[in-house]
């Protein structure tokens, strides 16, 4: 029996609570994964999983075995990663889910740099502003803006990205520049499909303002483009806004108020220790994005 393979199958089943999903991610048949788990149970002489037609859950012995197997596999991955670093022969496929705007403005460049450095790697990008389900969609890494990462996932904070409310000079000349938050109610405010209000902070006091406008979109880049056409006001993350502000296409407004920043996290399943390429990529991204993005940064 290949004990490491059996451990990987057991850990994958335990973390996904599904033989089928474990098989899909590992590239085995469901029967192979089932046999791997049976083999490790026979080896340890303990039942590790409760199996019913509806769900899979860990036994008490399984909970202890999961921790130990994860530790062994983690140390194995560390050894493999050290060897890969020495030979510089990193290879494999990474499936990454990330917001649309982030993918276009920042992630693609980092992916290109990473694949140039490791030409035997392939990165599959899934750009969407909806949170991907890592198990169901077989995602290795998800980049998410969130204040509270899911406790069931491993999370690494990458940076803080400030937001800014802005508009074109032509729009402001035609309709006037809002000086108070309530003034926004009289303006055409472009918003994300999932947003009904904008939140601001001043003197440690939070205030939300209901906004309305003629355009809604699931991609902030679309809203930024509409704002450049002198059609309305938009709230943008600074990775997207700064080039437009620095080029004069948009200008920030309501600077006496702070728009809460977004924390960007890399999240992944605990089974990702199996793949040194994933840990290597996260380290690469964290190093590339080592500084927070503020309003007006070049």
C-alpha atoms as a PDB file:
ATOM      1  CA  UNK A   1       0.000   0.000   0.000  1.00  0.00           C
ATOM      2  CA  UNK A   2       1.187   3.503  -0.821  1.00  0.00           C
ATOM      3  CA  UNK A   3       0.570   5.033   2.597  1.00  0.00           C
ATOM      4  CA  UNK A   4       0.983   8.646   1.462  1.00  0.00           C
ATOM      5  CA  UNK A   5      -1.591   8.211  -1.291  1.00  0.00           C
ATOM      6  CA  UNK A   6      -3.950   6.527   1.157  1.00  0.00           C
ATOM      7  CA  UNK A   7      -3.470   9.390   3.594  1.00  0.00           C
ATOM      8  CA  UNK A   8      -4.203  11.951   0.884  1.00  0.00           C
ATOM      9  CA  UNK A   9      -7.415  10.161  -0.020  1.00  0.00           C
ATOM     10  CA  UNK A  10      -8.479   9.906   3.622  1.00  0.00           C
ATOM     11  CA  UNK A  11      -7.717  13.581   4.317  1.00  0.00           C
ATOM     12  CA  UNK A  12      -9.505  14.693   1.165  1.00  0.00           C
ATOM     13  CA  UNK A  13     -12.605  12.673   2.052  1.00  0.00           C
ATOM     14  CA  UNK A  14     -12.528  13.967   5.627  1.00  0.00           C
ATOM     15  CA  UNK A  15     -12.257  17.601   4.542  1.00  0.00           C
ATOM     16  CA  UNK A  16     -14.837  17.432   1.767  1.00  0.00           C
ATOM     17  CA  UNK A  17     -17.148  14.955   3.551  1.00  0.00           C
ATOM     18  CA  UNK A  18     -17.566  13.242   0.206  1.00  0.00           C
ATOM     19  CA  UNK A  19     -15.911  10.326  -1.560  1.00  0.00           C
ATOM     20  CA  UNK A  20     -17.092  11.661  -4.902  1.00  0.00           C
ATOM     21  CA  UNK A  21     -15.655  15.160  -4.435  1.00  0.00           C
ATOM     22  CA  UNK A  22     -12.419  13.726  -3.061  1.00  0.00           C
ATOM     23  CA  UNK A  23     -12.078  11.504  -6.120  1.00  0.00           C
ATOM     24  CA  UNK A  24     -12.715  14.404  -8.500  1.00  0.00           C
ATOM     25  CA  UNK A  25     -10.094  16.600  -6.880  1.00  0.00           C
ATOM     26  CA  UNK A  26      -7.460  13.878  -6.610  1.00  0.00           C
ATOM     27  CA  UNK A  27      -8.056  12.541 -10.106  1.00  0.00           C
ATOM     28  CA  UNK A  28      -8.953   9.049  -8.884  1.00  0.00           C
ATOM     29  CA  UNK A  29     -12.100   7.023  -9.298  1.00  0.00           C
ATOM     30  CA  UNK A  30     -14.513   6.903  -6.374  1.00  0.00           C
ATOM     31  CA  UNK A  31     -13.703   3.194  -6.007  1.00  0.00           C
ATOM     32  CA  UNK A  32      -9.983   3.922  -5.747  1.00  0.00           C
ATOM     33  CA  UNK A  33     -10.534   6.521  -3.018  1.00  0.00           C
ATOM     34  CA  UNK A  34     -12.780   4.113  -1.135  1.00  0.00           C
ATOM     35  CA  UNK A  35     -10.107   1.430  -1.318  1.00  0.00           C
ATOM     36  CA  UNK A  36      -7.447   3.858  -0.120  1.00  0.00           C
ATOM     37  CA  UNK A  37      -9.526   4.688   2.950  1.00  0.00           C
ATOM     38  CA  UNK A  38     -10.196   1.006   3.609  1.00  0.00           C
ATOM     39  CA  UNK A  39      -6.472   0.308   3.354  1.00  0.00           C
ATOM     40  CA  UNK A  40      -5.526   2.987   5.853  1.00  0.00           C
ATOM     41  CA  UNK A  41      -8.266   1.796   8.224  1.00  0.00           C
ATOM     42  CA  UNK A  42      -6.903  -1.753   7.950  1.00  0.00           C
ATOM     43  CA  UNK A  43      -3.385  -0.490   8.517  1.00  0.00           C
ATOM     44  CA  UNK A  44      -4.389   1.485  11.617  1.00  0.00           C
ATOM     45  CA  UNK A  45      -6.888  -1.202  12.713  1.00  0.00           C
ATOM     46  CA  UNK A  46      -9.482   1.509  13.388  1.00  0.00           C
ATOM     47  CA  UNK A  47     -12.613   2.765  11.720  1.00  0.00           C
ATOM     48  CA  UNK A  48     -11.911   6.353  10.715  1.00  0.00           C
ATOM     49  CA  UNK A  49     -15.145   7.345   8.966  1.00  0.00           C
ATOM     50  CA  UNK A  50     -18.847   6.917   9.548  1.00  0.00           C
ATOM     51  CA  UNK A  51     -20.440   6.205   6.152  1.00  0.00           C
ATOM     52  CA  UNK A  52     -24.116   6.580   5.346  1.00  0.00           C
ATOM     53  CA  UNK A  53     -25.928   7.086   2.058  1.00  0.00           C
ATOM     54  CA  UNK A  54     -26.285  10.777   2.879  1.00  0.00           C
ATOM     55  CA  UNK A  55     -23.056  11.848   4.541  1.00  0.00           C
ATOM     56  CA  UNK A  56     -19.558  10.985   5.648  1.00  0.00           C
ATOM     57  CA  UNK A  57     -18.247  11.999   9.052  1.00  0.00           C
ATOM     58  CA  UNK A  58     -15.213  11.312  11.198  1.00  0.00           C
ATOM     59  CA  UNK A  59     -15.131   8.874  14.087  1.00  0.00           C
ATOM     60  CA  UNK A  60     -13.246   9.857  17.226  1.00  0.00           C
ATOM     61  CA  UNK A  61     -10.299   7.831  15.991  1.00  0.00           C
ATOM     62  CA  UNK A  62     -10.695   9.515  12.608  1.00  0.00           C
ATOM     63  CA  UNK A  63     -10.418  12.980  14.125  1.00  0.00           C
ATOM     64  CA  UNK A  64      -7.102  12.062  15.712  1.00  0.00           C
ATOM     65  CA  UNK A  65      -5.883  10.316  12.548  1.00  0.00           C
ATOM     66  CA  UNK A  66      -6.816  13.359  10.436  1.00  0.00           C
ATOM     67  CA  UNK A  67      -4.579  15.651  12.486  1.00  0.00           C
ATOM     68  CA  UNK A  68      -1.691  13.200  12.329  1.00  0.00           C
ATOM     69  CA  UNK A  69      -2.068  12.529   8.609  1.00  0.00           C
ATOM     70  CA  UNK A  70      -2.266  16.236   7.835  1.00  0.00           C
ATOM     71  CA  UNK A  71       0.935  16.785   9.812  1.00  0.00           C
ATOM     72  CA  UNK A  72       2.737  13.993   7.948  1.00  0.00           C
ATOM     73  CA  UNK A  73       1.552  15.237   4.573  1.00  0.00           C
ATOM     74  CA  UNK A  74       2.452  18.801   5.483  1.00  0.00           C
ATOM     75  CA  UNK A  75       5.998  17.774   6.369  1.00  0.00           C
ATOM     76  CA  UNK A  76       6.206  15.723   3.177  1.00  0.00           C
ATOM     77  CA  UNK A  77       5.112  18.750   1.171  1.00  0.00           C
ATOM     78  CA  UNK A  78       7.715  20.906   2.923  1.00  0.00           C
ATOM     79  CA  UNK A  79      10.399  18.399   1.947  1.00  0.00           C
ATOM     80  CA  UNK A  80       9.157  18.361  -1.633  1.00  0.00           C
ATOM     81  CA  UNK A  81       9.000  22.156  -1.736  1.00  0.00           C
ATOM     82  CA  UNK A  82      12.599  22.403  -0.507  1.00  0.00           C
ATOM     83  CA  UNK A  83      13.687  20.030  -3.239  1.00  0.00           C
ATOM     84  CA  UNK A  84      11.740  21.988  -5.849  1.00  0.00           C
ATOM     85  CA  UNK A  85      13.321  25.236  -4.726  1.00  0.00           C
ATOM     86  CA  UNK A  86      16.751  23.702  -5.146  1.00  0.00           C
ATOM     87  CA  UNK A  87      16.048  22.360  -8.623  1.00  0.00           C
ATOM     88  CA  UNK A  88      13.649  25.142  -9.705  1.00  0.00           C
ATOM     89  CA  UNK A  89      11.472  22.540 -11.450  1.00  0.00           C
ATOM     90  CA  UNK A  90       8.100  23.565 -10.062  1.00  0.00           C
ATOM     91  CA  UNK A  91       5.263  22.169 -12.168  1.00  0.00           C
ATOM     92  CA  UNK A  92       1.538  21.544 -12.021  1.00  0.00           C
ATOM     93  CA  UNK A  93      -1.838  23.239 -12.382  1.00  0.00           C
ATOM     94  CA  UNK A  94      -3.397  25.810 -10.035  1.00  0.00           C
ATOM     95  CA  UNK A  95      -7.059  26.763 -10.200  1.00  0.00           C
ATOM     96  CA  UNK A  96      -7.563  30.287  -8.844  1.00  0.00           C
ATOM     97  CA  UNK A  97     -10.832  32.156  -8.290  1.00  0.00           C
ATOM     98  CA  UNK A  98     -10.710  35.934  -7.873  1.00  0.00           C
ATOM     99  CA  UNK A  99     -12.890  39.040  -8.316  1.00  0.00           C
ATOM    100  CA  UNK A 100     -13.145  40.265 -11.899  1.00  0.00           C
ATOM    101  CA  UNK A 101     -11.523  43.658 -11.356  1.00  0.00           C
ATOM    102  CA  UNK A 102      -8.673  42.248  -9.296  1.00  0.00           C
ATOM    103  CA  UNK A 103      -8.009  39.608 -11.929  1.00  0.00           C
ATOM    104  CA  UNK A 104      -7.769  42.210 -14.691  1.00  0.00           C
ATOM    105  CA  UNK A 105      -5.876  44.908 -12.800  1.00  0.00           C
ATOM    106  CA  UNK A 106      -3.400  42.991 -10.656  1.00  0.00           C
ATOM    107  CA  UNK A 107      -3.650  39.216 -10.623  1.00  0.00           C
ATOM    108  CA  UNK A 108      -2.994  38.581 -14.301  1.00  0.00           C
ATOM    109  CA  UNK A 109       0.338  40.382 -14.135  1.00  0.00           C
ATOM    110  CA  UNK A 110       1.451  38.323 -11.130  1.00  0.00           C
ATOM    111  CA  UNK A 111       0.320  35.105 -12.813  1.00  0.00           C
ATOM    112  CA  UNK A 112       2.367  35.986 -15.901  1.00  0.00           C
ATOM    113  CA  UNK A 113       5.423  36.644 -13.746  1.00  0.00           C
ATOM    114  CA  UNK A 114       4.936  33.367 -11.882  1.00  0.00           C
ATOM    115  CA  UNK A 115       4.555  31.281 -15.038  1.00  0.00           C
ATOM    116  CA  UNK A 116       7.562  33.015 -16.614  1.00  0.00           C
ATOM    117  CA  UNK A 117       9.550  31.962 -13.549  1.00  0.00           C
ATOM    118  CA  UNK A 118       8.073  28.447 -13.597  1.00  0.00           C
ATOM    119  CA  UNK A 119       7.268  27.620 -17.231  1.00  0.00           C
ATOM    120  CA  UNK A 120       6.087  24.104 -16.366  1.00  0.00           C
ATOM    121  CA  UNK A 121       3.146  25.498 -14.386  1.00  0.00           C
ATOM    122  CA  UNK A 122      -0.339  26.275 -15.657  1.00  0.00           C
ATOM    123  CA  UNK A 123      -2.760  28.669 -13.953  1.00  0.00           C
ATOM    124  CA  UNK A 124      -6.496  28.389 -14.562  1.00  0.00           C
ATOM    125  CA  UNK A 125      -8.243  31.658 -13.674  1.00  0.00           C
ATOM    126  CA  UNK A 126     -11.919  31.904 -12.727  1.00  0.00           C
ATOM    127  CA  UNK A 127     -12.893  35.583 -12.592  1.00  0.00           C
ATOM    128  CA  UNK A 128     -16.142  36.248 -10.740  1.00  0.00           C
ATOM    129  CA  UNK A 129     -17.379  38.616  -8.053  1.00  0.00           C
ATOM    130  CA  UNK A 130     -19.232  35.745  -6.395  1.00  0.00           C
ATOM    131  CA  UNK A 131     -17.455  33.642  -3.790  1.00  0.00           C
ATOM    132  CA  UNK A 132     -16.431  30.353  -5.376  1.00  0.00           C
ATOM    133  CA  UNK A 133     -17.159  27.121  -3.529  1.00  0.00           C
ATOM    134  CA  UNK A 134     -13.694  25.653  -3.280  1.00  0.00           C
ATOM    135  CA  UNK A 135     -14.712  22.006  -3.028  1.00  0.00           C
ATOM    136  CA  UNK A 136     -17.573  21.957  -5.538  1.00  0.00           C
ATOM    137  CA  UNK A 137     -15.685  24.028  -8.112  1.00  0.00           C
ATOM    138  CA  UNK A 138     -12.330  22.353  -7.430  1.00  0.00           C
ATOM    139  CA  UNK A 139     -10.660  25.680  -6.665  1.00  0.00           C
ATOM    140  CA  UNK A 140      -7.179  25.549  -5.139  1.00  0.00           C
ATOM    141  CA  UNK A 141      -6.930  29.209  -4.115  1.00  0.00           C
ATOM    142  CA  UNK A 142      -9.601  31.894  -3.835  1.00  0.00           C
ATOM    143  CA  UNK A 143      -8.736  35.566  -3.458  1.00  0.00           C
ATOM    144  CA  UNK A 144     -11.452  37.289  -1.465  1.00  0.00           C
ATOM    145  CA  UNK A 145     -12.249  40.729  -0.106  1.00  0.00           C
ATOM    146  CA  UNK A 146     -13.605  40.009   3.358  1.00  0.00           C
ATOM    147  CA  UNK A 147     -13.307  41.165   6.959  1.00  0.00           C
ATOM    148  CA  UNK A 148     -13.879  37.660   8.281  1.00  0.00           C
ATOM    149  CA  UNK A 149     -12.543  34.673   6.324  1.00  0.00           C
ATOM    150  CA  UNK A 150     -14.463  31.418   6.600  1.00  0.00           C
ATOM    151  CA  UNK A 151     -13.297  29.534   9.694  1.00  0.00           C
ATOM    152  CA  UNK A 152     -13.364  26.273   7.736  1.00  0.00           C
ATOM    153  CA  UNK A 153     -10.645  27.545   5.383  1.00  0.00           C
ATOM    154  CA  UNK A 154      -6.992  28.384   5.760  1.00  0.00           C
ATOM    155  CA  UNK A 155      -6.568  32.121   5.171  1.00  0.00           C
ATOM    156  CA  UNK A 156      -3.607  34.410   4.599  1.00  0.00           C
ATOM    157  CA  UNK A 157      -4.049  38.157   4.519  1.00  0.00           C
ATOM    158  CA  UNK A 158      -2.348  39.727   1.526  1.00  0.00           C
ATOM    159  CA  UNK A 159      -3.069  43.457   1.780  1.00  0.00           C
ATOM    160  CA  UNK A 160      -5.520  46.248   2.497  1.00  0.00           C
ATOM    161  CA  UNK A 161      -6.956  48.136  -0.473  1.00  0.00           C
ATOM    162  CA  UNK A 162      -8.477  51.551   0.139  1.00  0.00           C
ATOM    163  CA  UNK A 163     -11.612  52.680  -1.699  1.00  0.00           C
ATOM    164  CA  UNK A 164     -12.369  56.112  -3.090  1.00  0.00           C
ATOM    165  CA  UNK A 165     -15.472  57.841  -4.436  1.00  0.00           C
ATOM    166  CA  UNK A 166     -14.751  59.650  -7.681  1.00  0.00           C
ATOM    167  CA  UNK A 167     -16.192  61.165 -10.839  1.00  0.00           C
ATOM    168  CA  UNK A 168     -14.985  62.822 -14.019  1.00  0.00           C
ATOM    169  CA  UNK A 169     -14.232  66.538 -14.112  1.00  0.00           C
ATOM    170  CA  UNK A 170     -16.890  66.898 -16.842  1.00  0.00           C
ATOM    171  CA  UNK A 171     -19.577  65.341 -14.658  1.00  0.00           C
ATOM    172  CA  UNK A 172     -18.695  67.531 -11.682  1.00  0.00           C
ATOM    173  CA  UNK A 173     -18.660  70.674 -13.851  1.00  0.00           C
ATOM    174  CA  UNK A 174     -22.117  69.830 -15.154  1.00  0.00           C
ATOM    175  CA  UNK A 175     -23.846  68.602 -11.987  1.00  0.00           C
ATOM    176  CA  UNK A 176     -21.731  70.055  -9.185  1.00  0.00           C
ATOM    177  CA  UNK A 177     -19.513  68.324  -6.651  1.00  0.00           C
ATOM    178  CA  UNK A 178     -21.242  66.831  -3.575  1.00  0.00           C
ATOM    179  CA  UNK A 179     -19.901  68.268  -0.338  1.00  0.00           C
ATOM    180  CA  UNK A 180     -21.949  66.176   2.108  1.00  0.00           C
ATOM    181  CA  UNK A 181     -22.986  62.539   2.124  1.00  0.00           C
ATOM    182  CA  UNK A 182     -26.626  63.496   1.787  1.00  0.00           C
ATOM    183  CA  UNK A 183     -25.742  65.265  -1.464  1.00  0.00           C
ATOM    184  CA  UNK A 184     -25.077  61.845  -2.990  1.00  0.00           C
ATOM    185  CA  UNK A 185     -28.818  61.168  -2.937  1.00  0.00           C
ATOM    186  CA  UNK A 186     -29.223  63.804  -5.661  1.00  0.00           C
ATOM    187  CA  UNK A 187     -26.551  62.323  -7.924  1.00  0.00           C
ATOM    188  CA  UNK A 188     -26.361  59.471 -10.380  1.00  0.00           C
ATOM    189  CA  UNK A 189     -24.354  56.875  -8.451  1.00  0.00           C
ATOM    190  CA  UNK A 190     -23.228  53.747 -10.258  1.00  0.00           C
ATOM    191  CA  UNK A 191     -23.162  50.683  -8.042  1.00  0.00           C
ATOM    192  CA  UNK A 192     -22.343  47.027  -7.923  1.00  0.00           C
ATOM    193  CA  UNK A 193     -25.300  44.684  -8.304  1.00  0.00           C
ATOM    194  CA  UNK A 194     -24.997  43.538  -4.688  1.00  0.00           C
ATOM    195  CA  UNK A 195     -24.727  47.059  -3.245  1.00  0.00           C
ATOM    196  CA  UNK A 196     -27.564  49.347  -2.171  1.00  0.00           C
ATOM    197  CA  UNK A 197     -25.593  51.821  -0.070  1.00  0.00           C
ATOM    198  CA  UNK A 198     -22.134  53.239   0.459  1.00  0.00           C
ATOM    199  CA  UNK A 199     -20.564  53.424   3.925  1.00  0.00           C
ATOM    200  CA  UNK A 200     -18.282  56.224   5.094  1.00  0.00           C
ATOM    201  CA  UNK A 201     -16.315  56.969   8.264  1.00  0.00           C
ATOM    202  CA  UNK A 202     -15.592  60.329   9.858  1.00  0.00           C
ATOM    203  CA  UNK A 203     -14.395  60.912  13.419  1.00  0.00           C
ATOM    204  CA  UNK A 204     -14.826  57.178  14.075  1.00  0.00           C
ATOM    205  CA  UNK A 205     -18.509  57.445  13.206  1.00  0.00           C
ATOM    206  CA  UNK A 206     -19.917  55.215  10.473  1.00  0.00           C
ATOM    207  CA  UNK A 207     -22.678  56.394   8.194  1.00  0.00           C
ATOM    208  CA  UNK A 208     -24.356  54.528   5.340  1.00  0.00           C
ATOM    209  CA  UNK A 209     -26.011  56.387   2.490  1.00  0.00           C
ATOM    210  CA  UNK A 210     -28.626  54.822   0.236  1.00  0.00           C
ATOM    211  CA  UNK A 211     -27.664  55.447  -3.371  1.00  0.00           C
ATOM    212  CA  UNK A 212     -29.410  55.212  -6.705  1.00  0.00           C
ATOM    213  CA  UNK A 213     -28.295  55.449 -10.282  1.00  0.00           C
ATOM    214  CA  UNK A 214     -28.923  54.485 -13.862  1.00  0.00           C
ATOM    215  CA  UNK A 215     -26.277  51.749 -14.105  1.00  0.00           C
ATOM    216  CA  UNK A 216     -25.608  48.660 -12.024  1.00  0.00           C
ATOM    217  CA  UNK A 217     -23.028  46.000 -12.909  1.00  0.00           C
ATOM    218  CA  UNK A 218     -21.350  42.924 -11.501  1.00  0.00           C
ATOM    219  CA  UNK A 219     -17.937  44.290 -12.501  1.00  0.00           C
ATOM    220  CA  UNK A 220     -16.575  47.537 -11.045  1.00  0.00           C
ATOM    221  CA  UNK A 221     -14.443  48.065 -14.163  1.00  0.00           C
ATOM    222  CA  UNK A 222     -17.669  48.560 -16.115  1.00  0.00           C
ATOM    223  CA  UNK A 223     -18.772  51.197 -13.597  1.00  0.00           C
ATOM    224  CA  UNK A 224     -15.397  52.917 -13.790  1.00  0.00           C
ATOM    225  CA  UNK A 225     -15.674  53.078 -17.557  1.00  0.00           C
ATOM    226  CA  UNK A 226     -19.166  54.591 -17.330  1.00  0.00           C
ATOM    227  CA  UNK A 227     -17.919  57.197 -14.835  1.00  0.00           C
ATOM    228  CA  UNK A 228     -15.185  58.248 -17.260  1.00  0.00           C
ATOM    229  CA  UNK A 229     -17.902  59.064 -19.789  1.00  0.00           C
ATOM    230  CA  UNK A 230     -19.178  61.822 -17.487  1.00  0.00           C
ATOM    231  CA  UNK A 231     -22.302  59.878 -16.604  1.00  0.00           C
ATOM    232  CA  UNK A 232     -22.092  59.517 -12.836  1.00  0.00           C
ATOM    233  CA  UNK A 233     -20.246  58.958  -9.556  1.00  0.00           C
ATOM    234  CA  UNK A 234     -18.603  55.670  -8.622  1.00  0.00           C
ATOM    235  CA  UNK A 235     -16.921  54.055  -5.607  1.00  0.00           C
ATOM    236  CA  UNK A 236     -13.836  52.095  -6.637  1.00  0.00           C
ATOM    237  CA  UNK A 237     -11.034  50.081  -5.058  1.00  0.00           C
ATOM    238  CA  UNK A 238      -7.796  51.987  -5.423  1.00  0.00           C
ATOM    239  CA  UNK A 239      -6.060  49.317  -7.478  1.00  0.00           C
ATOM    240  CA  UNK A 240      -8.539  50.293 -10.203  1.00  0.00           C
ATOM    241  CA  UNK A 241      -9.074  53.951  -9.296  1.00  0.00           C
ATOM    242  CA  UNK A 242      -5.480  55.156  -8.913  1.00  0.00           C
ATOM    243  CA  UNK A 243      -4.422  54.882 -12.582  1.00  0.00           C
ATOM    244  CA  UNK A 244      -7.582  56.735 -13.587  1.00  0.00           C
ATOM    245  CA  UNK A 245      -7.050  59.424 -10.959  1.00  0.00           C
ATOM    246  CA  UNK A 246      -3.354  59.840 -11.767  1.00  0.00           C
ATOM    247  CA  UNK A 247      -4.155  60.187 -15.491  1.00  0.00           C
ATOM    248  CA  UNK A 248      -6.865  62.783 -14.796  1.00  0.00           C
ATOM    249  CA  UNK A 249      -9.713  60.655 -16.115  1.00  0.00           C
ATOM    250  CA  UNK A 250     -11.397  60.662 -12.693  1.00  0.00           C
ATOM    251  CA  UNK A 251     -10.943  62.771  -9.598  1.00  0.00           C
ATOM    252  CA  UNK A 252     -11.637  61.850  -5.957  1.00  0.00           C
ATOM    253  CA  UNK A 253     -14.469  63.584  -4.101  1.00  0.00           C
ATOM    254  CA  UNK A 254     -15.707  63.703  -0.511  1.00  0.00           C
ATOM    255  CA  UNK A 255     -12.127  63.445   0.758  1.00  0.00           C
ATOM    256  CA  UNK A 256     -13.192  64.518   4.257  1.00  0.00           C
ATOM    257  CA  UNK A 257     -14.821  61.109   4.589  1.00  0.00           C
ATOM    258  CA  UNK A 258     -13.082  57.754   4.633  1.00  0.00           C
ATOM    259  CA  UNK A 259     -14.432  54.825   2.657  1.00  0.00           C
ATOM    260  CA  UNK A 260     -13.601  51.646   4.618  1.00  0.00           C
ATOM    261  CA  UNK A 261     -10.831  49.671   2.985  1.00  0.00           C
ATOM    262  CA  UNK A 262     -11.111  46.050   1.885  1.00  0.00           C
ATOM    263  CA  UNK A 263      -8.909  43.299   3.257  1.00  0.00           C
ATOM    264  CA  UNK A 264      -7.728  40.914   0.544  1.00  0.00           C
ATOM    265  CA  UNK A 265      -7.171  37.313   1.608  1.00  0.00           C
ATOM    266  CA  UNK A 266      -5.940  34.152  -0.060  1.00  0.00           C
ATOM    267  CA  UNK A 267      -8.053  31.254   1.182  1.00  0.00           C
ATOM    268  CA  UNK A 268      -7.631  27.574   0.525  1.00  0.00           C
ATOM    269  CA  UNK A 269      -8.640  24.189   1.883  1.00  0.00           C
ATOM    270  CA  UNK A 270      -6.457  22.443   4.432  1.00  0.00           C
ATOM    271  CA  UNK A 271      -5.724  19.735   1.843  1.00  0.00           C
ATOM    272  CA  UNK A 272      -3.763  22.288  -0.174  1.00  0.00           C
ATOM    273  CA  UNK A 273      -0.605  21.312   1.728  1.00  0.00           C
ATOM    274  CA  UNK A 274      -0.498  18.411  -0.730  1.00  0.00           C
ATOM    275  CA  UNK A 275       0.467  20.756  -3.533  1.00  0.00           C
ATOM    276  CA  UNK A 276       3.746  22.672  -3.106  1.00  0.00           C
ATOM    277  CA  UNK A 277       2.832  24.726  -6.165  1.00  0.00           C
ATOM    278  CA  UNK A 278      -0.061  26.273  -4.211  1.00  0.00           C
ATOM    279  CA  UNK A 279       2.070  27.290  -1.258  1.00  0.00           C
ATOM    280  CA  UNK A 280       4.717  28.612  -3.648  1.00  0.00           C
ATOM    281  CA  UNK A 281       2.181  30.707  -5.537  1.00  0.00           C
ATOM    282  CA  UNK A 282       0.684  32.205  -2.374  1.00  0.00           C
ATOM    283  CA  UNK A 283       4.173  33.116  -1.150  1.00  0.00           C
ATOM    284  CA  UNK A 284       4.897  34.694  -4.530  1.00  0.00           C
ATOM    285  CA  UNK A 285       1.697  36.757  -4.478  1.00  0.00           C
ATOM    286  CA  UNK A 286       2.249  37.847  -0.875  1.00  0.00           C
ATOM    287  CA  UNK A 287       5.756  39.041  -1.747  1.00  0.00           C
ATOM    288  CA  UNK A 288       4.544  40.817  -4.888  1.00  0.00           C
ATOM    289  CA  UNK A 289       1.728  42.533  -3.003  1.00  0.00           C
ATOM    290  CA  UNK A 290       3.639  43.335   0.160  1.00  0.00           C
ATOM    291  CA  UNK A 291       2.308  46.922   0.434  1.00  0.00           C
ATOM    292  CA  UNK A 292      -1.240  48.129   1.009  1.00  0.00           C
ATOM    293  CA  UNK A 293      -2.796  50.196  -1.784  1.00  0.00           C
ATOM    294  CA  UNK A 294      -3.723  53.747  -0.786  1.00  0.00           C
ATOM    295  CA  UNK A 295      -5.507  56.533  -2.600  1.00  0.00           C
ATOM    296  CA  UNK A 296      -3.197  58.142  -5.155  1.00  0.00           C
ATOM    297  CA  UNK A 297      -0.464  55.478  -5.110  1.00  0.00           C
ATOM    298  CA  UNK A 298       1.325  55.296  -8.435  1.00  0.00           C
END
